[in-house]
Amino acid sequence: MVSVSPCAYRNRYIFADELYLGSGCPVTRIQTYMYDFIYPVYECGIRIKVVSEEALLFQTELYFNPRNVCGGPQKIPLECSAS
């Protein structure tokens, strides 16, 4: 699960439809102060690398595509490890 605060970017409120995880997966749960992306690790283009016999590295990107700003979406790399 990836969680994002809607007030996390330059003191600007971020709407749920401005965010996508990986290969275009939208927010799955909207809470008062948090947006959640709840997907299995084999969806949304999430990449899994075996780091060692005891550790995995999960990699993906979060895309922020503002409604009222000119220019393309911003890409934020995300990584998480598990052992």
PDB file of N, CA and C in Angstrom:
ATOM      1  N   MET A   1       0.845  -1.178   0.000  1.00  0.00           N
ATOM      2  CA  MET A   1       0.000   0.000   0.000  1.00  0.00           C
ATOM      3  C   MET A   1       0.891   1.241   0.000  1.00  0.00           C
ATOM      4  N   VAL A   2       0.502   2.205  -0.790  1.00  0.00           N
ATOM      5  CA  VAL A   2       1.165   3.507  -0.828  1.00  0.00           C
ATOM      6  C   VAL A   2       0.145   4.537  -0.363  1.00  0.00           C
ATOM      7  N   SER A   3       0.544   5.410   0.559  1.00  0.00           N
ATOM      8  CA  SER A   3      -0.336   6.470   1.057  1.00  0.00           C
ATOM      9  C   SER A   3       0.283   7.825   0.758  1.00  0.00           C
ATOM     10  N   VAL A   4      -0.573   8.780   0.373  1.00  0.00           N
ATOM     11  CA  VAL A   4      -0.117  10.122   0.011  1.00  0.00           C
ATOM     12  C   VAL A   4      -1.009  11.147   0.697  1.00  0.00           C
ATOM     13  N   SER A   5      -0.393  12.161   1.274  1.00  0.00           N
ATOM     14  CA  SER A   5      -1.153  13.259   1.866  1.00  0.00           C
ATOM     15  C   SER A   5      -1.599  14.214   0.763  1.00  0.00           C
ATOM     16  N   PRO A   6      -2.866  14.627   0.743  1.00  0.00           N
ATOM     17  CA  PRO A   6      -3.318  15.548  -0.299  1.00  0.00           C
ATOM     18  C   PRO A   6      -2.776  16.966  -0.142  1.00  0.00           C
ATOM     19  N   CYS A   7      -2.078  17.239   0.939  1.00  0.00           N
ATOM     20  CA  CYS A   7      -1.503  18.572   1.168  1.00  0.00           C
ATOM     21  C   CYS A   7       0.019  18.527   1.101  1.00  0.00           C
ATOM     22  N   ALA A   8       0.559  17.562   0.399  1.00  0.00           N
ATOM     23  CA  ALA A   8       1.995  17.313   0.449  1.00  0.00           C
ATOM     24  C   ALA A   8       2.824  18.104  -0.555  1.00  0.00           C
ATOM     25  N   TYR A   9       2.217  18.846  -1.455  1.00  0.00           N
ATOM     26  CA  TYR A   9       2.991  19.464  -2.527  1.00  0.00           C
ATOM     27  C   TYR A   9       2.859  20.980  -2.518  1.00  0.00           C
ATOM     28  N   ARG A  10       3.905  21.671  -2.101  1.00  0.00           N
ATOM     29  CA  ARG A  10       3.993  23.142  -2.151  1.00  0.00           C
ATOM     30  C   ARG A  10       2.760  23.839  -1.579  1.00  0.00           C
ATOM     31  N   ASN A  11       2.280  23.347  -0.449  1.00  0.00           N
ATOM     32  CA  ASN A  11       1.112  23.923   0.226  1.00  0.00           C
ATOM     33  C   ASN A  11      -0.108  24.006  -0.689  1.00  0.00           C
ATOM     34  N   ARG A  12      -0.215  23.092  -1.618  1.00  0.00           N
ATOM     35  CA  ARG A  12      -1.313  23.051  -2.569  1.00  0.00           C
ATOM     36  C   ARG A  12      -2.095  21.768  -2.339  1.00  0.00           C
ATOM     37  N   TYR A  13      -3.409  21.856  -2.337  1.00  0.00           N
ATOM     38  CA  TYR A  13      -4.231  20.659  -2.178  1.00  0.00           C
ATOM     39  C   TYR A  13      -4.153  19.825  -3.451  1.00  0.00           C
ATOM     40  N   ILE A  14      -3.923  18.544  -3.295  1.00  0.00           N
ATOM     41  CA  ILE A  14      -3.833  17.626  -4.425  1.00  0.00           C
ATOM     42  C   ILE A  14      -5.123  16.815  -4.482  1.00  0.00           C
ATOM     43  N   PHE A  15      -5.763  16.794  -5.639  1.00  0.00           N
ATOM     44  CA  PHE A  15      -6.982  16.010  -5.820  1.00  0.00           C
ATOM     45  C   PHE A  15      -6.621  14.577  -6.186  1.00  0.00           C
ATOM     46  N   ALA A  16      -7.466  13.644  -5.785  1.00  0.00           N
ATOM     47  CA  ALA A  16      -7.188  12.222  -6.010  1.00  0.00           C
ATOM     48  C   ALA A  16      -7.003  11.896  -7.485  1.00  0.00           C
ATOM     49  N   ASP A  17      -7.737  12.577  -8.364  1.00  0.00           N
ATOM     50  CA  ASP A  17      -7.621  12.266  -9.793  1.00  0.00           C
ATOM     51  C   ASP A  17      -6.368  12.858 -10.441  1.00  0.00           C
ATOM     52  N   GLU A  18      -5.539  13.542  -9.661  1.00  0.00           N
ATOM     53  CA  GLU A  18      -4.270  14.072 -10.164  1.00  0.00           C
ATOM     54  C   GLU A  18      -3.114  13.106  -9.918  1.00  0.00           C
ATOM     55  N   LEU A  19      -3.380  12.008  -9.213  1.00  0.00           N
ATOM     56  CA  LEU A  19      -2.333  11.059  -8.838  1.00  0.00           C
ATOM     57  C   LEU A  19      -2.570   9.691  -9.467  1.00  0.00           C
ATOM     58  N   TYR A  20      -1.474   9.069  -9.910  1.00  0.00           N
ATOM     59  CA  TYR A  20      -1.520   7.710 -10.451  1.00  0.00           C
ATOM     60  C   TYR A  20      -0.295   6.954  -9.988  1.00  0.00           C
ATOM     61  N   LEU A  21      -0.490   5.691  -9.692  1.00  0.00           N
ATOM     62  CA  LEU A  21       0.613   4.831  -9.291  1.00  0.00           C
ATOM     63  C   LEU A  21       1.050   4.002 -10.486  1.00  0.00           C
ATOM     64  N   GLY A  22       2.347   3.991 -10.743  1.00  0.00           N
ATOM     65  CA  GLY A  22       2.909   3.130 -11.782  1.00  0.00           C
ATOM     66  C   GLY A  22       2.287   3.321 -13.147  1.00  0.00           C
ATOM     67  N   SER A  23       1.729   2.245 -13.686  1.00  0.00           N
ATOM     68  CA  SER A  23       1.218   2.242 -15.060  1.00  0.00           C
ATOM     69  C   SER A  23      -0.213   2.758 -15.181  1.00  0.00           C
ATOM     70  N   GLY A  24      -0.593   3.723 -14.352  1.00  0.00           N
ATOM     71  CA  GLY A  24      -1.900   4.361 -14.486  1.00  0.00           C
ATOM     72  C   GLY A  24      -2.952   3.901 -13.499  1.00  0.00           C
ATOM     73  N   CYS A  25      -2.551   3.374 -12.360  1.00  0.00           N
ATOM     74  CA  CYS A  25      -3.505   2.904 -11.353  1.00  0.00           C
ATOM     75  C   CYS A  25      -3.967   4.076 -10.484  1.00  0.00           C
ATOM     76  N   PRO A  26      -5.275   4.320 -10.424  1.00  0.00           N
ATOM     77  CA  PRO A  26      -5.791   5.450  -9.648  1.00  0.00           C
ATOM     78  C   PRO A  26      -5.842   5.162  -8.148  1.00  0.00           C
ATOM     79  N   VAL A  27      -6.085   6.207  -7.385  1.00  0.00           N
ATOM     80  CA  VAL A  27      -6.282   6.093  -5.935  1.00  0.00           C
ATOM     81  C   VAL A  27      -7.433   5.121  -5.687  1.00  0.00           C
ATOM     82  N   THR A  28      -7.270   4.229  -4.715  1.00  0.00           N
ATOM     83  CA  THR A  28      -8.324   3.253  -4.417  1.00  0.00           C
ATOM     84  C   THR A  28      -9.148   3.620  -3.192  1.00  0.00           C
ATOM     85  N   ARG A  29      -8.583   4.422  -2.281  1.00  0.00           N
ATOM     86  CA  ARG A  29      -9.329   4.813  -1.083  1.00  0.00           C
ATOM     87  C   ARG A  29      -8.999   6.262  -0.742  1.00  0.00           C
ATOM     88  N   ILE A  30     -10.047   7.053  -0.540  1.00  0.00           N
ATOM     89  CA  ILE A  30      -9.883   8.459  -0.173  1.00  0.00           C
ATOM     90  C   ILE A  30     -10.303   8.618   1.279  1.00  0.00           C
ATOM     91  N   GLN A  31      -9.356   9.065   2.099  1.00  0.00           N
ATOM     92  CA  GLN A  31      -9.633   9.366   3.497  1.00  0.00           C
ATOM     93  C   GLN A  31      -9.522  10.879   3.682  1.00  0.00           C
ATOM     94  N   THR A  32      -9.884  11.369   4.831  1.00  0.00           N
ATOM     95  CA  THR A  32      -9.876  12.809   5.076  1.00  0.00           C
ATOM     96  C   THR A  32      -8.509  13.436   4.817  1.00  0.00           C
ATOM     97  N   TYR A  33      -7.461  12.833   5.330  1.00  0.00           N
ATOM     98  CA  TYR A  33      -6.125  13.413   5.198  1.00  0.00           C
ATOM     99  C   TYR A  33      -5.141  12.490   4.489  1.00  0.00           C
ATOM    100  N   MET A  34      -5.645  11.538   3.707  1.00  0.00           N
ATOM    101  CA  MET A  34      -4.758  10.574   3.067  1.00  0.00           C
ATOM    102  C   MET A  34      -5.443   9.928   1.865  1.00  0.00           C
ATOM    103  N   TYR A  35      -4.661   9.710   0.808  1.00  0.00           N
ATOM    104  CA  TYR A  35      -5.105   8.910  -0.334  1.00  0.00           C
ATOM    105  C   TYR A  35      -4.302   7.617  -0.300  1.00  0.00           C
ATOM    106  N   ASP A  36      -4.975   6.502  -0.527  1.00  0.00           N
ATOM    107  CA  ASP A  36      -4.302   5.211  -0.518  1.00  0.00           C
ATOM    108  C   ASP A  36      -4.376   4.554  -1.889  1.00  0.00           C
ATOM    109  N   PHE A  37      -3.282   3.922  -2.255  1.00  0.00           N
ATOM    110  CA  PHE A  37      -3.215   3.071  -3.439  1.00  0.00           C
ATOM    111  C   PHE A  37      -3.046   1.652  -2.901  1.00  0.00           C
ATOM    112  N   ILE A  38      -4.073   0.832  -3.033  1.00  0.00           N
ATOM    113  CA  ILE A  38      -4.021  -0.533  -2.505  1.00  0.00           C
ATOM    114  C   ILE A  38      -4.113  -1.490  -3.688  1.00  0.00           C
ATOM    115  N   TYR A  39      -2.972  -2.043  -4.059  1.00  0.00           N
ATOM    116  CA  TYR A  39      -2.880  -2.950  -5.201  1.00  0.00           C
ATOM    117  C   TYR A  39      -1.929  -4.088  -4.861  1.00  0.00           C
ATOM    118  N   PRO A  40      -2.146  -5.266  -5.452  1.00  0.00           N
ATOM    119  CA  PRO A  40      -1.156  -6.339  -5.301  1.00  0.00           C
ATOM    120  C   PRO A  40       0.160  -5.916  -5.955  1.00  0.00           C
ATOM    121  N   VAL A  41       1.254  -6.479  -5.489  1.00  0.00           N
ATOM    122  CA  VAL A  41       2.571  -6.076  -5.994  1.00  0.00           C
ATOM    123  C   VAL A  41       2.809  -6.485  -7.444  1.00  0.00           C
ATOM    124  N   TYR A  42       1.954  -7.309  -8.016  1.00  0.00           N
ATOM    125  CA  TYR A  42       2.128  -7.706  -9.417  1.00  0.00           C
ATOM    126  C   TYR A  42       1.299  -6.830 -10.362  1.00  0.00           C
ATOM    127  N   GLU A  43       0.632  -5.799  -9.849  1.00  0.00           N
ATOM    128  CA  GLU A  43      -0.143  -4.886 -10.688  1.00  0.00           C
ATOM    129  C   GLU A  43       0.553  -3.524 -10.774  1.00  0.00           C
ATOM    130  N   CYS A  44       0.048  -2.673 -11.617  1.00  0.00           N
ATOM    131  CA  CYS A  44       0.478  -1.270 -11.741  1.00  0.00           C
ATOM    132  C   CYS A  44       1.925  -1.117 -12.209  1.00  0.00           C
ATOM    133  N   GLY A  45       2.487  -2.134 -12.796  1.00  0.00           N
ATOM    134  CA  GLY A  45       3.862  -2.037 -13.267  1.00  0.00           C
ATOM    135  C   GLY A  45       4.890  -2.027 -12.152  1.00  0.00           C
ATOM    136  N   ILE A  46       4.521  -2.499 -10.973  1.00  0.00           N
ATOM    137  CA  ILE A  46       5.464  -2.563  -9.851  1.00  0.00           C
ATOM    138  C   ILE A  46       6.527  -3.603 -10.175  1.00  0.00           C
ATOM    139  N   ARG A  47       7.768  -3.210 -10.008  1.00  0.00           N
ATOM    140  CA  ARG A  47       8.891  -4.094 -10.297  1.00  0.00           C
ATOM    141  C   ARG A  47       9.432  -4.672  -8.989  1.00  0.00           C
ATOM    142  N   ILE A  48       9.802  -5.944  -9.034  1.00  0.00           N
ATOM    143  CA  ILE A  48      10.345  -6.619  -7.852  1.00  0.00           C
ATOM    144  C   ILE A  48      11.735  -7.131  -8.197  1.00  0.00           C
ATOM    145  N   LYS A  49      12.707  -6.767  -7.373  1.00  0.00           N
ATOM    146  CA  LYS A  49      14.076  -7.245  -7.556  1.00  0.00           C
ATOM    147  C   LYS A  49      14.486  -8.046  -6.326  1.00  0.00           C
ATOM    148  N   VAL A  50      15.132  -9.165  -6.568  1.00  0.00           N
ATOM    149  CA  VAL A  50      15.676  -9.961  -5.474  1.00  0.00           C
ATOM    150  C   VAL A  50      17.034  -9.366  -5.129  1.00  0.00           C
ATOM    151  N   VAL A  51      17.152  -8.854  -3.918  1.00  0.00           N
ATOM    152  CA  VAL A  51      18.393  -8.227  -3.471  1.00  0.00           C
ATOM    153  C   VAL A  51      19.320  -9.273  -2.848  1.00  0.00           C
ATOM    154  N   SER A  52      18.730 -10.189  -2.111  1.00  0.00           N
ATOM    155  CA  SER A  52      19.475 -11.286  -1.497  1.00  0.00           C
ATOM    156  C   SER A  52      18.488 -12.417  -1.232  1.00  0.00           C
ATOM    157  N   GLU A  53      18.949 -13.470  -0.606  1.00  0.00           N
ATOM    158  CA  GLU A  53      18.053 -14.576  -0.266  1.00  0.00           C
ATOM    159  C   GLU A  53      16.972 -14.142   0.718  1.00  0.00           C
ATOM    160  N   GLU A  54      17.218 -13.044   1.404  1.00  0.00           N
ATOM    161  CA  GLU A  54      16.307 -12.611   2.458  1.00  0.00           C
ATOM    162  C   GLU A  54      15.622 -11.276   2.189  1.00  0.00           C
ATOM    163  N   ALA A  55      15.905 -10.649   1.056  1.00  0.00           N
ATOM    164  CA  ALA A  55      15.357  -9.305   0.841  1.00  0.00           C
ATOM    165  C   ALA A  55      14.869  -9.103  -0.595  1.00  0.00           C
ATOM    166  N   LEU A  56      13.749  -8.392  -0.705  1.00  0.00           N
ATOM    167  CA  LEU A  56      13.187  -7.993  -1.994  1.00  0.00           C
ATOM    168  C   LEU A  56      13.111  -6.475  -2.048  1.00  0.00           C
ATOM    169  N   LEU A  57      13.263  -5.921  -3.242  1.00  0.00           N
ATOM    170  CA  LEU A  57      13.138  -4.485  -3.455  1.00  0.00           C
ATOM    171  C   LEU A  57      11.971  -4.252  -4.407  1.00  0.00           C
ATOM    172  N   PHE A  58      11.005  -3.441  -3.983  1.00  0.00           N
ATOM    173  CA  PHE A  58       9.849  -3.091  -4.798  1.00  0.00           C
ATOM    174  C   PHE A  58      10.063  -1.680  -5.325  1.00  0.00           C
ATOM    175  N   GLN A  59       9.860  -1.500  -6.626  1.00  0.00           N
ATOM    176  CA  GLN A  59      10.066  -0.191  -7.244  1.00  0.00           C
ATOM    177  C   GLN A  59       8.880   0.167  -8.130  1.00  0.00           C
ATOM    178  N   THR A  60       8.492   1.428  -8.081  1.00  0.00           N
ATOM    179  CA  THR A  60       7.461   1.957  -8.968  1.00  0.00           C
ATOM    180  C   THR A  60       7.586   3.474  -8.979  1.00  0.00           C
ATOM    181  N   GLU A  61       6.608   4.142  -9.557  1.00  0.00           N
ATOM    182  CA  GLU A  61       6.600   5.598  -9.611  1.00  0.00           C
ATOM    183  C   GLU A  61       5.212   6.106  -9.244  1.00  0.00           C
ATOM    184  N   LEU A  62       5.190   7.298  -8.690  1.00  0.00           N
ATOM    185  CA  LEU A  62       3.946   8.012  -8.444  1.00  0.00           C
ATOM    186  C   LEU A  62       3.928   9.181  -9.424  1.00  0.00           C
ATOM    187  N   TYR A  63       2.842   9.317 -10.166  1.00  0.00           N
ATOM    188  CA  TYR A  63       2.722  10.402 -11.140  1.00  0.00           C
ATOM    189  C   TYR A  63       1.730  11.432 -10.630  1.00  0.00           C
ATOM    190  N   PHE A  64       2.152  12.689 -10.675  1.00  0.00           N
ATOM    191  CA  PHE A  64       1.319  13.815 -10.270  1.00  0.00           C
ATOM    192  C   PHE A  64       1.061  14.656 -11.509  1.00  0.00           C
ATOM    193  N   ASN A  65      -0.199  14.709 -11.924  1.00  0.00           N
ATOM    194  CA  ASN A  65      -0.589  15.454 -13.115  1.00  0.00           C
ATOM    195  C   ASN A  65      -1.578  16.545 -12.694  1.00  0.00           C
ATOM    196  N   PRO A  66      -1.079  17.744 -12.333  1.00  0.00           N
ATOM    197  CA  PRO A  66      -1.942  18.814 -11.829  1.00  0.00           C
ATOM    198  C   PRO A  66      -2.994  19.245 -12.848  1.00  0.00           C
ATOM    199  N   ARG A  67      -4.178  19.552 -12.354  1.00  0.00           N
ATOM    200  CA  ARG A  67      -5.294  19.980 -13.205  1.00  0.00           C
ATOM    201  C   ARG A  67      -5.044  21.341 -13.851  1.00  0.00           C
ATOM    202  N   ASN A  68      -4.577  22.299 -13.065  1.00  0.00           N
ATOM    203  CA  ASN A  68      -4.544  23.693 -13.508  1.00  0.00           C
ATOM    204  C   ASN A  68      -3.144  24.232 -13.766  1.00  0.00           C
ATOM    205  N   VAL A  69      -2.206  23.371 -14.045  1.00  0.00           N
ATOM    206  CA  VAL A  69      -0.836  23.823 -14.270  1.00  0.00           C
ATOM    207  C   VAL A  69      -0.384  23.322 -15.639  1.00  0.00           C
ATOM    208  N   CYS A  70       0.225  24.216 -16.400  1.00  0.00           N
ATOM    209  CA  CYS A  70       0.746  23.813 -17.705  1.00  0.00           C
ATOM    210  C   CYS A  70       1.958  22.910 -17.513  1.00  0.00           C
ATOM    211  N   GLY A  71       2.177  22.054 -18.451  1.00  0.00           N
ATOM    212  CA  GLY A  71       3.313  21.147 -18.374  1.00  0.00           C
ATOM    213  C   GLY A  71       2.858  19.726 -18.131  1.00  0.00           C
ATOM    214  N   GLY A  72       3.793  18.823 -18.250  1.00  0.00           N
ATOM    215  CA  GLY A  72       3.483  17.412 -18.113  1.00  0.00           C
ATOM    216  C   GLY A  72       3.454  16.948 -16.676  1.00  0.00           C
ATOM    217  N   PRO A  73       3.118  15.689 -16.504  1.00  0.00           N
ATOM    218  CA  PRO A  73       3.064  15.124 -15.155  1.00  0.00           C
ATOM    219  C   PRO A  73       4.455  15.029 -14.534  1.00  0.00           C
ATOM    220  N   GLN A  74       4.480  15.041 -13.226  1.00  0.00           N
ATOM    221  CA  GLN A  74       5.732  14.880 -12.502  1.00  0.00           C
ATOM    222  C   GLN A  74       5.838  13.434 -12.037  1.00  0.00           C
ATOM    223  N   LYS A  75       7.029  12.893 -12.121  1.00  0.00           N
ATOM    224  CA  LYS A  75       7.281  11.497 -11.775  1.00  0.00           C
ATOM    225  C   LYS A  75       8.097  11.439 -10.489  1.00  0.00           C
ATOM    226  N   ILE A  76       7.584  10.716  -9.501  1.00  0.00           N
ATOM    227  CA  ILE A  76       8.264  10.575  -8.218  1.00  0.00           C
ATOM    228  C   ILE A  76       8.607   9.102  -8.024  1.00  0.00           C
ATOM    229  N   PRO A  77       9.897   8.744  -8.035  1.00  0.00           N
ATOM    230  CA  PRO A  77      10.269   7.341  -7.851  1.00  0.00           C
ATOM    231  C   PRO A  77       9.981   6.877  -6.423  1.00  0.00           C
ATOM    232  N   LEU A  78       9.513   5.633  -6.296  1.00  0.00           N
ATOM    233  CA  LEU A  78       9.232   5.037  -4.990  1.00  0.00           C
ATOM    234  C   LEU A  78       9.948   3.700  -4.880  1.00  0.00           C
ATOM    235  N   GLU A  79      10.502   3.430  -3.702  1.00  0.00           N
ATOM    236  CA  GLU A  79      11.140   2.143  -3.426  1.00  0.00           C
ATOM    237  C   GLU A  79      10.790   1.697  -2.017  1.00  0.00           C
ATOM    238  N   CYS A  80      10.677   0.391  -1.865  1.00  0.00           N
ATOM    239  CA  CYS A  80      10.411  -0.191  -0.560  1.00  0.00           C
ATOM    240  C   CYS A  80      11.080  -1.553  -0.527  1.00  0.00           C
ATOM    241  N   SER A  81      11.691  -1.896   0.592  1.00  0.00           N
ATOM    242  CA  SER A  81      12.310  -3.213   0.697  1.00  0.00           C
ATOM    243  C   SER A  81      11.592  -4.033   1.763  1.00  0.00           C
ATOM    244  N   ALA A  82      11.651  -5.343   1.589  1.00  0.00           N
ATOM    245  CA  ALA A  82      11.045  -6.267   2.550  1.00  0.00           C
ATOM    246  C   ALA A  82      11.992  -7.437   2.753  1.00  0.00           C
ATOM    247  N   SER A  83      12.055  -7.889   3.992  1.00  0.00           N
ATOM    248  CA  SER A  83      12.905  -9.054   4.271  1.00  0.00           C
ATOM    249  C   SER A  83      12.192  -9.991   5.218  1.00  0.00           C
TER     250      SER A  83
END
